[in-house]
Amino acid sequence: MCYRSKASGFTLIELMVTIAILAITVTIAIPSFQNVIASNQLQEGRDRLRMAIQTAKGEAVARNQTVSLCPSSDGAACGDSGDWDESWLVVVDNNATGAVSISNTLRVFDAPSSSEVTLVHAGGFDYIRFEANGISENLNASASFGFCSPDGKVDPKSLVLSPSTAAIRTGTIAEANCP
């Protein structure tokens, strides 16, 4: 008498059903995951600017000197275009005449990649200057920075600075002023 041992494994149908379920799950998950990544990039850009502002304010108080935060296209000099989407400089500012005069660059912050984040700002200022007491002398009205997704698929993030004290708060979607 010949006995057959039972073979173990998966049938072709079981394998095909499993692959079909996996394909459907991946198809649904990938777009959601891309939105999570885009949202995190906006939040990271907002947090990076918050850190730059806090660094400038803290350095002004710690050094008992005027310190400015300004946008820079080359990472070495402050720009005068008010274009905040490249890099940001924290500098000791020894000039109180309106323009930033760099006597010492303390730190350079990279702005988020423009292909991933569109940065808009409202408030009409080219720099943020902090006096030795931590008060900002050039913010006469609230200033806002909006971090927008270039494709508009993700809710924007924003950062709002109050006049004079430059107290920072997380803004609303409307305060982002995204195009």
Foldseek 3Di string as FASTA:
>chain_A
DDDDDDDDDDDPVVVVVVVVVVVVVCVVVVVVVVQVVLVVLQVVLVVLVVVVLVVLLVCLQVVQAKKKKFADQPQPDHDDPLDNQAKIWIAGAPDPPQDGDHPGTDDIGGGRDCQRWDKDKDQPDGMWMAGNVSWTDPRPAKMKIWIAGPVRPYQIWMWIAGHGNGDIDTDDSVRNPDD
